[in-house]
Structures are given as structure tokens and as C-alpha cells.
PDB file of N, CA and C in Angstrom:
ATOM      1  N   MET A   1      32.979  49.815  21.707  1.00  0.00           N
ATOM      2  CA  MET A   1      33.549  49.191  22.856  1.00  0.00           C
ATOM      3  C   MET A   1      34.824  48.473  22.459  1.00  0.00           C
ATOM      4  N   ALA A   2      35.870  48.695  23.189  1.00  0.00           N
ATOM      5  CA  ALA A   2      37.210  48.005  22.939  1.00  0.00           C
ATOM      6  C   ALA A   2      37.152  46.535  23.205  1.00  0.00           C
ATOM      7  N   GLU A   3      37.968  45.824  22.264  1.00  0.00           N
ATOM      8  CA  GLU A   3      38.067  44.376  22.483  1.00  0.00           C
ATOM      9  C   GLU A   3      38.888  44.076  23.642  1.00  0.00           C
ATOM     10  N   ASN A   4      38.546  42.952  24.436  1.00  0.00           N
ATOM     11  CA  ASN A   4      39.370  42.529  25.540  1.00  0.00           C
ATOM     12  C   ASN A   4      40.685  41.929  24.982  1.00  0.00           C
ATOM     13  N   ILE A   5      41.745  42.198  25.760  1.00  0.00           N
ATOM     14  CA  ILE A   5      43.052  41.657  25.384  1.00  0.00           C
ATOM     15  C   ILE A   5      43.373  40.588  26.411  1.00  0.00           C
ATOM     16  N   TYR A   6      43.467  39.305  25.987  1.00  0.00           N
ATOM     17  CA  TYR A   6      43.769  38.182  26.800  1.00  0.00           C
ATOM     18  C   TYR A   6      45.299  37.879  26.629  1.00  0.00           C
ATOM     19  N   ILE A   7      45.984  37.531  27.786  1.00  0.00           N
ATOM     20  CA  ILE A   7      47.413  37.144  27.731  1.00  0.00           C
ATOM     21  C   ILE A   7      47.611  36.006  28.586  1.00  0.00           C
ATOM     22  N   PHE A   8      48.454  35.040  28.207  1.00  0.00           N
ATOM     23  CA  PHE A   8      49.002  34.085  28.939  1.00  0.00           C
ATOM     24  C   PHE A   8      50.367  34.420  29.555  1.00  0.00           C
ATOM     25  N   ALA A   9      50.544  34.403  30.760  1.00  0.00           N
ATOM     26  CA  ALA A   9      51.843  34.647  31.372  1.00  0.00           C
ATOM     27  C   ALA A   9      52.313  33.401  32.146  1.00  0.00           C
ATOM     28  N   LEU A  10      53.372  32.883  31.730  1.00  0.00           N
ATOM     29  CA  LEU A  10      54.009  31.681  32.260  1.00  0.00           C
ATOM     30  C   LEU A  10      55.068  32.142  33.285  1.00  0.00           C
ATOM     31  N   ARG A  11      55.018  31.761  34.572  1.00  0.00           N
ATOM     32  CA  ARG A  11      56.024  32.186  35.466  1.00  0.00           C
ATOM     33  C   ARG A  11      56.781  30.880  35.929  1.00  0.00           C
ATOM     34  N   LEU A  12      58.068  30.776  35.754  1.00  0.00           N
ATOM     35  CA  LEU A  12      58.857  29.628  36.055  1.00  0.00           C
ATOM     36  C   LEU A  12      59.798  30.024  37.145  1.00  0.00           C
ATOM     37  N   THR A  13      59.995  29.093  38.150  1.00  0.00           N
ATOM     38  CA  THR A  13      60.983  29.072  39.131  1.00  0.00           C
ATOM     39  C   THR A  13      61.521  27.644  39.210  1.00  0.00           C
ATOM     40  N   LYS A  14      62.674  27.479  39.957  1.00  0.00           N
ATOM     41  CA  LYS A  14      63.153  26.130  40.079  1.00  0.00           C
ATOM     42  C   LYS A  14      62.184  25.132  40.848  1.00  0.00           C
ATOM     43  N   ALA A  15      61.360  25.728  41.665  1.00  0.00           N
ATOM     44  CA  ALA A  15      60.418  24.884  42.434  1.00  0.00           C
ATOM     45  C   ALA A  15      58.993  24.665  41.842  1.00  0.00           C
ATOM     46  N   HIS A  16      58.554  25.689  41.181  1.00  0.00           N
ATOM     47  CA  HIS A  16      57.252  25.571  40.623  1.00  0.00           C
ATOM     48  C   HIS A  16      57.001  26.430  39.350  1.00  0.00           C
ATOM     49  N   SER A  17      55.856  26.140  38.717  1.00  0.00           N
ATOM     50  CA  SER A  17      55.493  26.923  37.566  1.00  0.00           C
ATOM     51  C   SER A  17      54.007  27.387  37.660  1.00  0.00           C
ATOM     52  N   ALA A  18      53.678  28.472  37.040  1.00  0.00           N
ATOM     53  CA  ALA A  18      52.302  28.978  37.114  1.00  0.00           C
ATOM     54  C   ALA A  18      51.952  29.589  35.868  1.00  0.00           C
ATOM     55  N   LEU A  19      50.833  29.285  35.273  1.00  0.00           N
ATOM     56  CA  LEU A  19      50.248  29.814  34.009  1.00  0.00           C
ATOM     57  C   LEU A  19      49.125  30.697  34.477  1.00  0.00           C
ATOM     58  N   VAL A  20      49.290  32.002  34.109  1.00  0.00           N
ATOM     59  CA  VAL A  20      48.212  33.012  34.484  1.00  0.00           C
ATOM     60  C   VAL A  20      47.448  33.468  33.242  1.00  0.00           C
ATOM     61  N   LEU A  21      46.265  33.638  33.284  1.00  0.00           N
ATOM     62  CA  LEU A  21      45.416  34.223  32.228  1.00  0.00           C
ATOM     63  C   LEU A  21      44.980  35.582  32.695  1.00  0.00           C
ATOM     64  N   GLN A  22      45.363  36.582  31.847  1.00  0.00           N
ATOM     65  CA  GLN A  22      45.082  37.899  32.208  1.00  0.00           C
ATOM     66  C   GLN A  22      44.134  38.543  31.083  1.00  0.00           C
ATOM     67  N   ARG A  23      43.195  39.414  31.555  1.00  0.00           N
ATOM     68  CA  ARG A  23      42.358  40.170  30.585  1.00  0.00           C
ATOM     69  C   ARG A  23      42.552  41.561  30.905  1.00  0.00           C
ATOM     70  N   ASP A  24      43.015  42.305  29.881  1.00  0.00           N
ATOM     71  CA  ASP A  24      43.290  43.748  30.024  1.00  0.00           C
ATOM     72  C   ASP A  24      44.194  44.079  31.253  1.00  0.00           C
ATOM     73  N   GLY A  25      45.148  43.179  31.479  1.00  0.00           N
ATOM     74  CA  GLY A  25      46.128  43.381  32.512  1.00  0.00           C
ATOM     75  C   GLY A  25      45.623  42.923  33.882  1.00  0.00           C
ATOM     76  N   VAL A  26      44.442  42.393  34.003  1.00  0.00           N
ATOM     77  CA  VAL A  26      43.889  41.909  35.273  1.00  0.00           C
ATOM     78  C   VAL A  26      43.868  40.398  35.313  1.00  0.00           C
ATOM     79  N   LEU A  27      44.326  39.818  36.363  1.00  0.00           N
ATOM     80  CA  LEU A  27      44.391  38.458  36.605  1.00  0.00           C
ATOM     81  C   LEU A  27      42.932  37.850  36.566  1.00  0.00           C
ATOM     82  N   LEU A  28      42.726  36.955  35.693  1.00  0.00           N
ATOM     83  CA  LEU A  28      41.364  36.257  35.489  1.00  0.00           C
ATOM     84  C   LEU A  28      41.455  34.936  36.129  1.00  0.00           C
ATOM     85  N   ASP A  29      42.533  34.078  35.925  1.00  0.00           N
ATOM     86  CA  ASP A  29      42.586  32.737  36.426  1.00  0.00           C
ATOM     87  C   ASP A  29      44.008  32.302  36.391  1.00  0.00           C
ATOM     88  N   SER A  30      44.330  31.170  37.005  1.00  0.00           N
ATOM     89  CA  SER A  30      45.705  30.676  36.963  1.00  0.00           C
ATOM     90  C   SER A  30      45.750  29.112  37.342  1.00  0.00           C
ATOM     91  N   ARG A  31      46.883  28.504  36.940  1.00  0.00           N
ATOM     92  CA  ARG A  31      47.088  27.074  37.323  1.00  0.00           C
ATOM     93  C   ARG A  31      48.546  27.070  37.714  1.00  0.00           C
ATOM     94  N   GLU A  32      48.775  26.302  38.836  1.00  0.00           N
ATOM     95  CA  GLU A  32      50.150  26.187  39.292  1.00  0.00           C
ATOM     96  C   GLU A  32      50.508  24.670  39.486  1.00  0.00           C
ATOM     97  N   TRP A  33      51.737  24.406  39.388  1.00  0.00           N
ATOM     98  CA  TRP A  33      52.234  22.981  39.563  1.00  0.00           C
ATOM     99  C   TRP A  33      53.677  22.970  40.017  1.00  0.00           C
ATOM    100  N   PRO A  34      54.035  21.950  40.711  1.00  0.00           N
ATOM    101  CA  PRO A  34      55.490  21.817  41.194  1.00  0.00           C
ATOM    102  C   PRO A  34      56.299  21.393  39.982  1.00  0.00           C
ATOM    103  N   GLU A  35      57.566  21.724  40.017  1.00  0.00           N
ATOM    104  CA  GLU A  35      58.536  21.231  39.059  1.00  0.00           C
ATOM    105  C   GLU A  35      58.793  19.794  39.228  1.00  0.00           C
ATOM    106  N   GLN A  36      58.396  19.045  38.165  1.00  0.00           N
ATOM    107  CA  GLN A  36      58.608  17.519  38.282  1.00  0.00           C
ATOM    108  C   GLN A  36      58.949  16.829  36.956  1.00  0.00           C
ATOM    109  N   ARG A  37      59.628  17.675  36.122  1.00  0.00           N
ATOM    110  CA  ARG A  37      60.065  17.060  34.843  1.00  0.00           C
ATOM    111  C   ARG A  37      58.893  16.727  33.990  1.00  0.00           C
ATOM    112  N   ASP A  38      57.767  17.369  33.994  1.00  0.00           N
ATOM    113  CA  ASP A  38      56.653  17.080  33.167  1.00  0.00           C
ATOM    114  C   ASP A  38      56.093  18.507  32.632  1.00  0.00           C
ATOM    115  N   MET A  39      56.963  19.439  32.351  1.00  0.00           N
ATOM    116  CA  MET A  39      56.560  20.761  31.912  1.00  0.00           C
ATOM    117  C   MET A  39      55.569  20.660  30.693  1.00  0.00           C
ATOM    118  N   GLY A  40      55.928  19.987  29.662  1.00  0.00           N
ATOM    119  CA  GLY A  40      55.224  19.925  28.499  1.00  0.00           C
ATOM    120  C   GLY A  40      53.730  19.519  28.710  1.00  0.00           C
ATOM    121  N   GLN A  41      53.556  18.322  29.406  1.00  0.00           N
ATOM    122  CA  GLN A  41      52.148  17.929  29.756  1.00  0.00           C
ATOM    123  C   GLN A  41      51.463  18.869  30.629  1.00  0.00           C
ATOM    124  N   ARG A  42      52.082  19.461  31.693  1.00  0.00           N
ATOM    125  CA  ARG A  42      51.400  20.221  32.656  1.00  0.00           C
ATOM    126  C   ARG A  42      51.026  21.596  31.906  1.00  0.00           C
ATOM    127  N   LEU A  43      51.843  22.157  31.143  1.00  0.00           N
ATOM    128  CA  LEU A  43      51.586  23.378  30.423  1.00  0.00           C
ATOM    129  C   LEU A  43      50.429  23.182  29.456  1.00  0.00           C
ATOM    130  N   PHE A  44      50.507  22.194  28.627  1.00  0.00           N
ATOM    131  CA  PHE A  44      49.397  21.963  27.662  1.00  0.00           C
ATOM    132  C   PHE A  44      48.098  21.707  28.446  1.00  0.00           C
ATOM    133  N   GLU A  45      48.095  20.991  29.507  1.00  0.00           N
ATOM    134  CA  GLU A  45      46.949  20.841  30.331  1.00  0.00           C
ATOM    135  C   GLU A  45      46.392  22.114  30.920  1.00  0.00           C
ATOM    136  N   ALA A  46      47.220  22.964  31.357  1.00  0.00           N
ATOM    137  CA  ALA A  46      46.910  24.284  31.990  1.00  0.00           C
ATOM    138  C   ALA A  46      46.270  25.170  30.945  1.00  0.00           C
ATOM    139  N   ILE A  47      46.930  25.274  29.738  1.00  0.00           N
ATOM    140  CA  ILE A  47      46.358  26.051  28.656  1.00  0.00           C
ATOM    141  C   ILE A  47      44.889  25.481  28.400  1.00  0.00           C
ATOM    142  N   ALA A  48      44.732  24.297  28.137  1.00  0.00           N
ATOM    143  CA  ALA A  48      43.429  23.727  27.808  1.00  0.00           C
ATOM    144  C   ALA A  48      42.337  24.021  28.931  1.00  0.00           C
ATOM    145  N   GLU A  49      42.808  23.789  30.159  1.00  0.00           N
ATOM    146  CA  GLU A  49      41.890  24.117  31.290  1.00  0.00           C
ATOM    147  C   GLU A  49      41.489  25.556  31.365  1.00  0.00           C
ATOM    148  N   LEU A  50      42.446  26.438  31.229  1.00  0.00           N
ATOM    149  CA  LEU A  50      42.144  27.911  31.346  1.00  0.00           C
ATOM    150  C   LEU A  50      41.237  28.411  30.258  1.00  0.00           C
ATOM    151  N   LEU A  51      41.479  27.829  29.011  1.00  0.00           N
ATOM    152  CA  LEU A  51      40.665  28.245  27.913  1.00  0.00           C
ATOM    153  C   LEU A  51      39.190  27.782  28.101  1.00  0.00           C
ATOM    154  N   GLU A  52      39.084  26.470  28.448  1.00  0.00           N
ATOM    155  CA  GLU A  52      37.816  25.913  28.635  1.00  0.00           C
ATOM    156  C   GLU A  52      36.996  26.573  29.777  1.00  0.00           C
ATOM    157  N   LYS A  53      37.702  26.727  30.891  1.00  0.00           N
ATOM    158  CA  LYS A  53      36.968  27.349  32.054  1.00  0.00           C
ATOM    159  C   LYS A  53      36.489  28.677  31.810  1.00  0.00           C
ATOM    160  N   ASN A  54      37.260  29.418  31.022  1.00  0.00           N
ATOM    161  CA  ASN A  54      36.956  30.860  30.737  1.00  0.00           C
ATOM    162  C   ASN A  54      36.258  31.178  29.519  1.00  0.00           C
ATOM    163  N   GLY A  55      35.813  29.962  28.818  1.00  0.00           N
ATOM    164  CA  GLY A  55      35.043  30.090  27.619  1.00  0.00           C
ATOM    165  C   GLY A  55      35.737  30.832  26.458  1.00  0.00           C
ATOM    166  N   LEU A  56      37.018  30.506  26.283  1.00  0.00           N
ATOM    167  CA  LEU A  56      37.776  31.221  25.352  1.00  0.00           C
ATOM    168  C   LEU A  56      38.273  30.285  24.251  1.00  0.00           C
ATOM    169  N   GLN A  57      38.430  30.802  23.006  1.00  0.00           N
ATOM    170  CA  GLN A  57      39.157  30.052  21.928  1.00  0.00           C
ATOM    171  C   GLN A  57      40.565  30.432  22.052  1.00  0.00           C
ATOM    172  N   ALA A  58      41.481  29.465  21.547  1.00  0.00           N
ATOM    173  CA  ALA A  58      42.901  29.844  21.583  1.00  0.00           C
ATOM    174  C   ALA A  58      43.265  31.150  20.913  1.00  0.00           C
ATOM    175  N   GLU A  59      42.591  31.383  19.739  1.00  0.00           N
ATOM    176  CA  GLU A  59      43.040  32.601  18.988  1.00  0.00           C
ATOM    177  C   GLU A  59      42.536  33.889  19.697  1.00  0.00           C
ATOM    178  N   GLN A  60      41.755  33.834  20.828  1.00  0.00           N
ATOM    179  CA  GLN A  60      41.393  35.070  21.536  1.00  0.00           C
ATOM    180  C   GLN A  60      42.517  35.527  22.468  1.00  0.00           C
ATOM    181  N   VAL A  61      43.491  34.593  22.770  1.00  0.00           N
ATOM    182  CA  VAL A  61      44.662  34.945  23.626  1.00  0.00           C
ATOM    183  C   VAL A  61      45.675  35.544  22.623  1.00  0.00           C
ATOM    184  N   SER A  62      45.961  36.768  22.775  1.00  0.00           N
ATOM    185  CA  SER A  62      46.748  37.544  21.843  1.00  0.00           C
ATOM    186  C   SER A  62      48.225  37.470  22.148  1.00  0.00           C
ATOM    187  N   GLU A  63      48.620  37.088  23.257  1.00  0.00           N
ATOM    188  CA  GLU A  63      50.082  37.092  23.633  1.00  0.00           C
ATOM    189  C   GLU A  63      50.298  35.997  24.584  1.00  0.00           C
ATOM    190  N   PHE A  64      51.590  35.416  24.572  1.00  0.00           N
ATOM    191  CA  PHE A  64      52.088  34.371  25.494  1.00  0.00           C
ATOM    192  C   PHE A  64      53.415  34.831  25.921  1.00  0.00           C
ATOM    193  N   VAL A  65      53.550  35.181  27.234  1.00  0.00           N
ATOM    194  CA  VAL A  65      54.872  35.658  27.696  1.00  0.00           C
ATOM    195  C   VAL A  65      55.413  34.652  28.690  1.00  0.00           C
ATOM    196  N   ILE A  66      56.753  34.535  28.804  1.00  0.00           N
ATOM    197  CA  ILE A  66      57.325  33.705  29.817  1.00  0.00           C
ATOM    198  C   ILE A  66      58.264  34.600  30.629  1.00  0.00           C
ATOM    199  N   GLU A  67      57.995  34.470  31.978  1.00  0.00           N
ATOM    200  CA  GLU A  67      58.731  35.150  33.024  1.00  0.00           C
ATOM    201  C   GLU A  67      59.488  34.148  33.820  1.00  0.00           C
ATOM    202  N   SER A  68      60.770  34.221  33.849  1.00  0.00           N
ATOM    203  CA  SER A  68      61.554  33.127  34.539  1.00  0.00           C
ATOM    204  C   SER A  68      62.779  33.590  35.342  1.00  0.00           C
ATOM    205  N   ASP A  69      63.044  32.918  36.357  1.00  0.00           N
ATOM    206  CA  ASP A  69      64.304  33.219  37.099  1.00  0.00           C
ATOM    207  C   ASP A  69      65.230  32.004  36.902  1.00  0.00           C
ATOM    208  N   ILE A  70      64.853  31.095  35.993  1.00  0.00           N
ATOM    209  CA  ILE A  70      65.788  29.880  35.733  1.00  0.00           C
ATOM    210  C   ILE A  70      66.529  30.129  34.441  1.00  0.00           C
ATOM    211  N   PRO A  71      67.779  29.629  34.371  1.00  0.00           N
ATOM    212  CA  PRO A  71      68.521  29.765  33.103  1.00  0.00           C
ATOM    213  C   PRO A  71      67.850  29.216  31.851  1.00  0.00           C
ATOM    214  N   GLU A  72      68.113  29.839  30.663  1.00  0.00           N
ATOM    215  CA  GLU A  72      67.506  29.396  29.456  1.00  0.00           C
ATOM    216  C   GLU A  72      67.873  27.955  29.025  1.00  0.00           C
ATOM    217  N   GLY A  73      68.954  27.549  29.613  1.00  0.00           N
ATOM    218  CA  GLY A  73      69.496  26.183  29.145  1.00  0.00           C
ATOM    219  C   GLY A  73      68.747  25.062  29.980  1.00  0.00           C
ATOM    220  N   TYR A  74      67.947  25.348  31.000  1.00  0.00           N
ATOM    221  CA  TYR A  74      67.239  24.384  31.723  1.00  0.00           C
ATOM    222  C   TYR A  74      66.112  23.743  30.833  1.00  0.00           C
ATOM    223  N   THR A  75      65.987  22.400  31.000  1.00  0.00           N
ATOM    224  CA  THR A  75      65.012  21.621  30.180  1.00  0.00           C
ATOM    225  C   THR A  75      63.587  22.304  30.337  1.00  0.00           C
ATOM    226  N   SER A  76      63.125  22.655  31.454  1.00  0.00           N
ATOM    227  CA  SER A  76      61.789  23.160  31.613  1.00  0.00           C
ATOM    228  C   SER A  76      61.666  24.514  30.873  1.00  0.00           C
ATOM    229  N   MET A  77      62.700  25.360  30.840  1.00  0.00           N
ATOM    230  CA  MET A  77      62.658  26.608  30.124  1.00  0.00           C
ATOM    231  C   MET A  77      62.632  26.287  28.529  1.00  0.00           C
ATOM    232  N   ARG A  78      63.400  25.384  28.133  1.00  0.00           N
ATOM    233  CA  ARG A  78      63.404  25.061  26.770  1.00  0.00           C
ATOM    234  C   ARG A  78      62.105  24.550  26.316  1.00  0.00           C
ATOM    235  N   ILE A  79      61.515  23.660  27.086  1.00  0.00           N
ATOM    236  CA  ILE A  79      60.140  23.087  26.802  1.00  0.00           C
ATOM    237  C   ILE A  79      59.102  24.224  26.769  1.00  0.00           C
ATOM    238  N   ALA A  80      59.147  25.084  27.743  1.00  0.00           N
ATOM    239  CA  ALA A  80      58.216  26.209  27.844  1.00  0.00           C
ATOM    240  C   ALA A  80      58.265  27.154  26.632  1.00  0.00           C
ATOM    241  N   GLN A  81      59.506  27.405  26.193  1.00  0.00           N
ATOM    242  CA  GLN A  81      59.775  28.207  24.975  1.00  0.00           C
ATOM    243  C   GLN A  81      59.110  27.514  23.734  1.00  0.00           C
ATOM    244  N   THR A  82      59.353  26.179  23.650  1.00  0.00           N
ATOM    245  CA  THR A  82      58.826  25.414  22.560  1.00  0.00           C
ATOM    246  C   THR A  82      57.341  25.433  22.570  1.00  0.00           C
ATOM    247  N   VAL A  83      56.690  25.213  23.713  1.00  0.00           N
ATOM    248  CA  VAL A  83      55.327  25.225  23.760  1.00  0.00           C
ATOM    249  C   VAL A  83      54.724  26.637  23.416  1.00  0.00           C
ATOM    250  N   LYS A  84      55.381  27.692  23.821  1.00  0.00           N
ATOM    251  CA  LYS A  84      54.970  29.051  23.515  1.00  0.00           C
ATOM    252  C   LYS A  84      54.965  29.140  21.934  1.00  0.00           C
ATOM    253  N   LYS A  85      56.078  28.776  21.283  1.00  0.00           N
ATOM    254  CA  LYS A  85      56.198  28.854  19.823  1.00  0.00           C
ATOM    255  C   LYS A  85      55.149  28.091  19.032  1.00  0.00           C
ATOM    256  N   VAL A  86      54.900  26.917  19.601  1.00  0.00           N
ATOM    257  CA  VAL A  86      53.821  26.015  18.950  1.00  0.00           C
ATOM    258  C   VAL A  86      52.545  26.651  19.113  1.00  0.00           C
ATOM    259  N   TYR A  87      52.168  27.116  20.321  1.00  0.00           N
ATOM    260  CA  TYR A  87      50.978  27.780  20.585  1.00  0.00           C
ATOM    261  C   TYR A  87      50.711  29.025  19.620  1.00  0.00           C
ATOM    262  N   GLU A  88      51.768  29.921  19.633  1.00  0.00           N
ATOM    263  CA  GLU A  88      51.649  31.104  18.799  1.00  0.00           C
ATOM    264  C   GLU A  88      51.485  30.777  17.332  1.00  0.00           C
ATOM    265  N   PHE A  89      52.241  29.739  16.818  1.00  0.00           N
ATOM    266  CA  PHE A  89      52.100  29.320  15.438  1.00  0.00           C
ATOM    267  C   PHE A  89      50.682  28.786  15.180  1.00  0.00           C
ATOM    268  N   ALA A  90      50.138  27.935  16.013  1.00  0.00           N
ATOM    269  CA  ALA A  90      48.761  27.387  15.862  1.00  0.00           C
ATOM    270  C   ALA A  90      47.747  28.471  15.961  1.00  0.00           C
ATOM    271  N   VAL A  91      47.926  29.437  16.730  1.00  0.00           N
ATOM    272  CA  VAL A  91      46.995  30.523  16.865  1.00  0.00           C
ATOM    273  C   VAL A  91      46.987  31.387  15.624  1.00  0.00           C
ATOM    274  N   GLN A  92      48.250  31.695  15.133  1.00  0.00           N
ATOM    275  CA  GLN A  92      48.381  32.570  13.904  1.00  0.00           C
ATOM    276  C   GLN A  92      47.721  31.845  12.792  1.00  0.00           C
ATOM    277  N   GLU A  93      47.945  30.541  12.609  1.00  0.00           N
ATOM    278  CA  GLU A  93      47.343  29.770  11.522  1.00  0.00           C
ATOM    279  C   GLU A  93      45.774  29.811  11.640  1.00  0.00           C
ATOM    280  N   LYS A  94      45.259  29.639  12.780  1.00  0.00           N
ATOM    281  CA  LYS A  94      43.825  29.686  13.092  1.00  0.00           C
ATOM    282  C   LYS A  94      43.222  31.005  12.677  1.00  0.00           C
ATOM    283  N   ARG A  95      43.943  32.084  13.013  1.00  0.00           N
ATOM    284  CA  ARG A  95      43.379  33.410  12.663  1.00  0.00           C
ATOM    285  C   ARG A  95      43.177  33.679  11.190  1.00  0.00           C
ATOM    286  N   PHE A  96      44.013  32.985  10.369  1.00  0.00           N
ATOM    287  CA  PHE A  96      44.012  33.074   8.909  1.00  0.00           C
ATOM    288  C   PHE A  96      42.954  32.187   8.225  1.00  0.00           C
ATOM    289  N   GLU A  97      42.464  31.319   8.914  1.00  0.00           N
ATOM    290  CA  GLU A  97      41.368  30.409   8.365  1.00  0.00           C
ATOM    291  C   GLU A  97      40.145  31.136   7.956  1.00  0.00           C
TER     292      GLU A  97
END
């Protein structure tokens, strides 16, 4: 039996953000929030909630993608990219334990 592939997809617009959890390309769950200058907090909370609700460990999510229609220079975009890098780094380290 093939292993399930879990992916986080973060979708950013000027008005709101949504973190989607997919399994094998199918939407499993999501969290959405309005843009209010609290991207870091909201994104970390959404990650934790989706992992807990779906009974997953962080290292089971193999990819984290960002889809955006906002410029890379926007603070929310820079924070999202930083959270993605930190998440991927932490997961990579966990896999090697």
C-alpha cells in the first residue's frame, strides 16, 4: 500500500489567508482568517490545529507550498515564507532523529 502524501498549501490574498491540508491531492481540512497583521500567530495556530485535528505529526506533512497574489515584499508574505522555512527545517531535523 502506498504511503499517504500530506501537503500544507497556504493561499494568501490581500484580504484573507487560508491554510489547506491535502492528502494525496484531496482537500482534507482548512483554516481561514482575515488579514489583520498577525500572520505569524495565525499561521502557527492553523498548523497546530490542522495537525491535531487530523491526528498527524509534523513530519508526516511532506511539503509546504505558498500560493499568493500579493507581492513578495509584503510583510505577510515575508512572514509566511519564514514560517514555511522554519517548519521545513524543524520537520527535516525531526525526520533525522
